[in-house]
Amino acid sequence: MGIDSKIKSQLTDELFEAILELRDVEECYKFFEDICTIKEIQAISQRLKVAQLLKEHKTYIEIEEQTHASTATISRVNKCLVYGADGYKLILERLKEKSSI
């Protein structure tokens, strides 16, 4: 099944194929430290945590205190959870399944 995405391109496909070749967390650190800035990695990590906390029905204030994310970032992540491509939902469900094994 294909996906209709705003970011879909041959270059993006190649990037995602490369990411799928990573075998463990150590390899992820090596790759992402080379391909992203520290701030980019921190921002992506923060957004994932915000999504997790929103799914746990935490308030914006609780999320802001725990992650130091701005309310704009929290709102943007919330919008993705409600109207997005379901990427957050997919990965959060998989992470939850993995942690309950």
N, C-alpha and C. Protein backbone atom coordinates (compact mmCIF):
# COMPACT_ATOMS: atom_id res chain seq x y z
N MET A 1 0.85 -1.18 0.00
CA MET A 1 0.00 0.00 0.00
C MET A 1 0.89 1.24 0.00
N GLY A 2 0.62 2.17 -0.90
CA GLY A 2 1.38 3.40 -0.97
C GLY A 2 0.82 4.44 -0.02
N ILE A 3 1.61 5.46 0.17
CA ILE A 3 1.18 6.54 1.05
C ILE A 3 1.23 7.84 0.27
N ASP A 4 0.21 8.65 0.44
CA ASP A 4 0.16 9.97 -0.17
C ASP A 4 0.74 10.94 0.84
N SER A 5 1.99 11.32 0.65
CA SER A 5 2.69 12.15 1.63
C SER A 5 3.19 13.43 0.98
N LYS A 6 3.19 14.50 1.76
CA LYS A 6 3.71 15.78 1.28
C LYS A 6 5.22 15.75 1.12
N ILE A 7 5.89 14.83 1.80
CA ILE A 7 7.35 14.79 1.77
C ILE A 7 7.90 13.70 0.85
N LYS A 8 7.02 12.93 0.21
CA LYS A 8 7.47 11.80 -0.60
C LYS A 8 8.28 12.26 -1.80
N SER A 9 9.46 11.67 -1.92
CA SER A 9 10.33 11.91 -3.06
C SER A 9 11.33 10.77 -3.11
N GLN A 10 12.07 10.68 -4.18
CA GLN A 10 13.09 9.64 -4.30
C GLN A 10 14.15 9.81 -3.21
N LEU A 11 14.55 11.05 -2.95
CA LEU A 11 15.57 11.30 -1.92
C LEU A 11 15.07 10.87 -0.54
N THR A 12 13.81 11.19 -0.24
CA THR A 12 13.25 10.81 1.05
C THR A 12 13.13 9.30 1.16
N ASP A 13 12.70 8.65 0.06
CA ASP A 13 12.65 7.19 0.05
C ASP A 13 14.02 6.60 0.37
N GLU A 14 15.06 7.15 -0.23
CA GLU A 14 16.42 6.66 0.01
C GLU A 14 16.85 6.87 1.46
N LEU A 15 16.49 8.02 2.04
CA LEU A 15 16.79 8.27 3.44
C LEU A 15 16.11 7.24 4.33
N PHE A 16 14.82 7.01 4.11
CA PHE A 16 14.09 6.07 4.95
C PHE A 16 14.58 4.64 4.76
N GLU A 17 14.96 4.28 3.54
CA GLU A 17 15.56 2.95 3.31
C GLU A 17 16.87 2.82 4.09
N ALA A 18 17.65 3.89 4.13
CA ALA A 18 18.91 3.88 4.90
C ALA A 18 18.61 3.70 6.39
N ILE A 19 17.62 4.41 6.90
CA ILE A 19 17.26 4.30 8.32
C ILE A 19 16.82 2.88 8.65
N LEU A 20 16.09 2.26 7.74
CA LEU A 20 15.63 0.88 7.97
C LEU A 20 16.79 -0.13 8.02
N GLU A 21 17.96 0.27 7.54
CA GLU A 21 19.13 -0.62 7.59
C GLU A 21 19.84 -0.58 8.94
N LEU A 22 19.51 0.40 9.78
CA LEU A 22 20.13 0.49 11.11
C LEU A 22 19.69 -0.69 11.96
N ARG A 23 20.62 -1.30 12.67
CA ARG A 23 20.34 -2.55 13.37
C ARG A 23 20.12 -2.41 14.87
N ASP A 24 20.63 -1.33 15.47
CA ASP A 24 20.48 -1.18 16.92
C ASP A 24 20.64 0.30 17.30
N VAL A 25 20.45 0.57 18.57
CA VAL A 25 20.51 1.95 19.06
C VAL A 25 21.88 2.56 18.81
N GLU A 26 22.93 1.78 19.00
CA GLU A 26 24.28 2.30 18.78
C GLU A 26 24.46 2.77 17.33
N GLU A 27 23.98 1.98 16.38
CA GLU A 27 24.06 2.38 14.97
C GLU A 27 23.23 3.63 14.72
N CYS A 28 22.08 3.73 15.38
CA CYS A 28 21.25 4.93 15.25
C CYS A 28 22.00 6.17 15.73
N TYR A 29 22.65 6.05 16.88
CA TYR A 29 23.45 7.18 17.38
C TYR A 29 24.50 7.60 16.35
N LYS A 30 25.22 6.65 15.81
CA LYS A 30 26.28 6.96 14.83
C LYS A 30 25.71 7.67 13.61
N PHE A 31 24.64 7.12 13.06
CA PHE A 31 24.05 7.68 11.85
C PHE A 31 23.45 9.06 12.10
N PHE A 32 22.62 9.16 13.14
CA PHE A 32 21.93 10.42 13.38
C PHE A 32 22.87 11.53 13.84
N GLU A 33 23.94 11.19 14.54
CA GLU A 33 24.92 12.23 14.90
C GLU A 33 25.59 12.79 13.67
N ASP A 34 25.74 11.96 12.64
CA ASP A 34 26.35 12.45 11.39
C ASP A 34 25.36 13.22 10.52
N ILE A 35 24.11 12.78 10.50
CA ILE A 35 23.15 13.35 9.54
C ILE A 35 22.36 14.53 10.09
N CYS A 36 22.22 14.62 11.41
CA CYS A 36 21.44 15.69 12.04
C CYS A 36 22.32 16.50 12.99
N THR A 37 21.86 17.71 13.27
CA THR A 37 22.52 18.47 14.32
C THR A 37 22.02 17.96 15.67
N ILE A 38 22.73 18.29 16.72
CA ILE A 38 22.30 17.90 18.07
C ILE A 38 20.92 18.48 18.36
N LYS A 39 20.70 19.73 17.98
CA LYS A 39 19.41 20.39 18.22
C LYS A 39 18.28 19.67 17.47
N GLU A 40 18.54 19.22 16.25
CA GLU A 40 17.51 18.50 15.49
C GLU A 40 17.14 17.18 16.17
N ILE A 41 18.14 16.46 16.63
CA ILE A 41 17.89 15.19 17.33
C ILE A 41 17.11 15.45 18.62
N GLN A 42 17.50 16.48 19.36
CA GLN A 42 16.82 16.81 20.60
C GLN A 42 15.37 17.22 20.33
N ALA A 43 15.14 17.97 19.26
CA ALA A 43 13.78 18.41 18.93
C ALA A 43 12.90 17.23 18.54
N ILE A 44 13.42 16.32 17.76
CA ILE A 44 12.65 15.13 17.36
C ILE A 44 12.35 14.27 18.58
N SER A 45 13.35 14.08 19.43
CA SER A 45 13.16 13.29 20.65
C SER A 45 12.11 13.92 21.54
N GLN A 46 12.16 15.24 21.66
CA GLN A 46 11.20 15.97 22.49
C GLN A 46 9.79 15.79 21.94
N ARG A 47 9.63 15.88 20.63
CA ARG A 47 8.30 15.74 20.02
C ARG A 47 7.72 14.36 20.27
N LEU A 48 8.56 13.34 20.20
CA LEU A 48 8.07 11.98 20.45
C LEU A 48 7.60 11.85 21.90
N LYS A 49 8.35 12.42 22.83
CA LYS A 49 7.95 12.37 24.24
C LYS A 49 6.65 13.15 24.46
N VAL A 50 6.53 14.30 23.81
CA VAL A 50 5.30 15.08 23.90
C VAL A 50 4.11 14.26 23.40
N ALA A 51 4.29 13.58 22.28
CA ALA A 51 3.21 12.74 21.74
C ALA A 51 2.82 11.65 22.73
N GLN A 52 3.82 11.03 23.34
CA GLN A 52 3.55 9.98 24.33
C GLN A 52 2.74 10.54 25.50
N LEU A 53 3.13 11.69 26.00
CA LEU A 53 2.44 12.29 27.13
C LEU A 53 1.03 12.75 26.76
N LEU A 54 0.85 13.25 25.55
CA LEU A 54 -0.49 13.62 25.09
C LEU A 54 -1.38 12.39 25.02
N LYS A 55 -0.84 11.27 24.54
CA LYS A 55 -1.61 10.03 24.48
C LYS A 55 -1.98 9.53 25.87
N GLU A 56 -1.18 9.91 26.88
CA GLU A 56 -1.46 9.55 28.27
C GLU A 56 -2.39 10.58 28.93
N HIS A 57 -2.91 11.52 28.12
CA HIS A 57 -3.85 12.54 28.56
C HIS A 57 -3.27 13.50 29.59
N LYS A 58 -1.97 13.75 29.49
CA LYS A 58 -1.34 14.76 30.35
C LYS A 58 -1.75 16.15 29.86
N THR A 59 -1.76 17.11 30.76
CA THR A 59 -2.10 18.48 30.39
C THR A 59 -0.90 19.15 29.74
N TYR A 60 -1.17 20.25 29.03
CA TYR A 60 -0.08 21.01 28.43
C TYR A 60 0.92 21.46 29.50
N ILE A 61 0.42 21.86 30.65
CA ILE A 61 1.30 22.33 31.73
C ILE A 61 2.20 21.19 32.21
N GLU A 62 1.62 20.01 32.41
CA GLU A 62 2.43 18.85 32.83
C GLU A 62 3.48 18.51 31.78
N ILE A 63 3.09 18.56 30.51
CA ILE A 63 4.02 18.23 29.42
C ILE A 63 5.12 19.27 29.34
N GLU A 64 4.75 20.53 29.45
CA GLU A 64 5.73 21.62 29.42
C GLU A 64 6.74 21.47 30.55
N GLU A 65 6.26 21.15 31.75
CA GLU A 65 7.16 20.97 32.90
C GLU A 65 8.10 19.79 32.70
N GLN A 66 7.59 18.69 32.15
CA GLN A 66 8.40 17.49 32.00
C GLN A 66 9.37 17.56 30.83
N THR A 67 8.95 18.18 29.72
CA THR A 67 9.78 18.15 28.50
C THR A 67 10.43 19.48 28.16
N HIS A 68 9.96 20.55 28.77
CA HIS A 68 10.40 21.91 28.46
C HIS A 68 10.03 22.31 27.03
N ALA A 69 9.06 21.62 26.44
CA ALA A 69 8.56 21.98 25.12
C ALA A 69 7.68 23.21 25.24
N SER A 70 7.69 24.02 24.21
CA SER A 70 6.82 25.19 24.19
C SER A 70 5.38 24.73 23.95
N THR A 71 4.44 25.59 24.32
CA THR A 71 3.04 25.25 24.05
C THR A 71 2.79 25.16 22.55
N ALA A 72 3.55 25.91 21.76
CA ALA A 72 3.42 25.82 20.30
C ALA A 72 3.81 24.43 19.81
N THR A 73 4.91 23.89 20.34
CA THR A 73 5.34 22.54 19.96
C THR A 73 4.32 21.50 20.42
N ILE A 74 3.84 21.64 21.63
CA ILE A 74 2.85 20.70 22.15
C ILE A 74 1.60 20.74 21.28
N SER A 75 1.15 21.93 20.92
CA SER A 75 -0.02 22.09 20.08
C SER A 75 0.20 21.47 18.70
N ARG A 76 1.38 21.67 18.13
CA ARG A 76 1.71 21.12 16.81
C ARG A 76 1.69 19.59 16.84
N VAL A 77 2.26 19.01 17.89
CA VAL A 77 2.26 17.55 18.04
C VAL A 77 0.83 17.05 18.22
N ASN A 78 0.05 17.76 19.02
CA ASN A 78 -1.34 17.37 19.24
C ASN A 78 -2.12 17.39 17.92
N LYS A 79 -1.87 18.40 17.11
CA LYS A 79 -2.52 18.50 15.80
C LYS A 79 -2.16 17.29 14.94
N CYS A 80 -0.91 16.87 14.99
CA CYS A 80 -0.49 15.69 14.23
C CYS A 80 -1.18 14.43 14.75
N LEU A 81 -1.34 14.33 16.05
CA LEU A 81 -2.02 13.17 16.63
C LEU A 81 -3.48 13.10 16.18
N VAL A 82 -4.10 14.26 16.03
CA VAL A 82 -5.51 14.31 15.66
C VAL A 82 -5.71 14.24 14.15
N TYR A 83 -4.91 15.00 13.40
CA TYR A 83 -5.15 15.15 11.96
C TYR A 83 -4.03 14.61 11.08
N GLY A 84 -2.97 14.09 11.68
CA GLY A 84 -1.79 13.71 10.91
C GLY A 84 -1.90 12.37 10.21
N ALA A 85 -0.76 11.86 9.81
CA ALA A 85 -0.66 10.62 9.04
C ALA A 85 -0.64 9.37 9.92
N ASP A 86 -0.86 9.54 11.21
CA ASP A 86 -0.89 8.44 12.19
C ASP A 86 0.48 7.83 12.47
N GLY A 87 1.54 8.53 12.12
CA GLY A 87 2.88 8.04 12.40
C GLY A 87 3.19 7.96 13.88
N TYR A 88 2.79 9.00 14.62
CA TYR A 88 2.98 8.95 16.07
C TYR A 88 2.22 7.78 16.66
N LYS A 89 0.96 7.62 16.27
CA LYS A 89 0.13 6.55 16.82
C LYS A 89 0.76 5.19 16.55
N LEU A 90 1.24 5.00 15.33
CA LEU A 90 1.86 3.73 14.94
C LEU A 90 3.05 3.40 15.84
N ILE A 91 3.97 4.34 15.97
CA ILE A 91 5.19 4.05 16.71
C ILE A 91 4.92 3.97 18.21
N LEU A 92 4.02 4.79 18.73
CA LEU A 92 3.70 4.72 20.16
C LEU A 92 3.04 3.39 20.52
N GLU A 93 2.19 2.89 19.65
CA GLU A 93 1.58 1.57 19.89
C GLU A 93 2.65 0.47 19.88
N ARG A 94 3.56 0.54 18.93
CA ARG A 94 4.63 -0.47 18.85
C ARG A 94 5.54 -0.40 20.06
N LEU A 95 5.88 0.80 20.49
CA LEU A 95 6.74 0.94 21.67
C LEU A 95 6.03 0.43 22.91
N LYS A 96 4.73 0.69 23.01
CA LYS A 96 3.95 0.21 24.16
C LYS A 96 3.90 -1.32 24.16
N GLU A 97 3.66 -1.94 23.00
CA GLU A 97 3.64 -3.39 22.89
C GLU A 97 5.00 -3.98 23.30
N LYS A 98 6.05 -3.35 22.83
CA LYS A 98 7.40 -3.84 23.11
C LYS A 98 7.71 -3.76 24.60
N SER A 99 7.26 -2.70 25.27
CA SER A 99 7.57 -2.53 26.69
C SER A 99 6.72 -3.42 27.58
N SER A 100 5.60 -3.92 27.06
CA SER A 100 4.74 -4.77 27.88
C SER A 100 5.02 -6.25 27.67
N ILE A 101 6.08 -6.56 26.96
CA ILE A 101 6.45 -7.97 26.74
C ILE A 101 7.22 -8.48 27.93
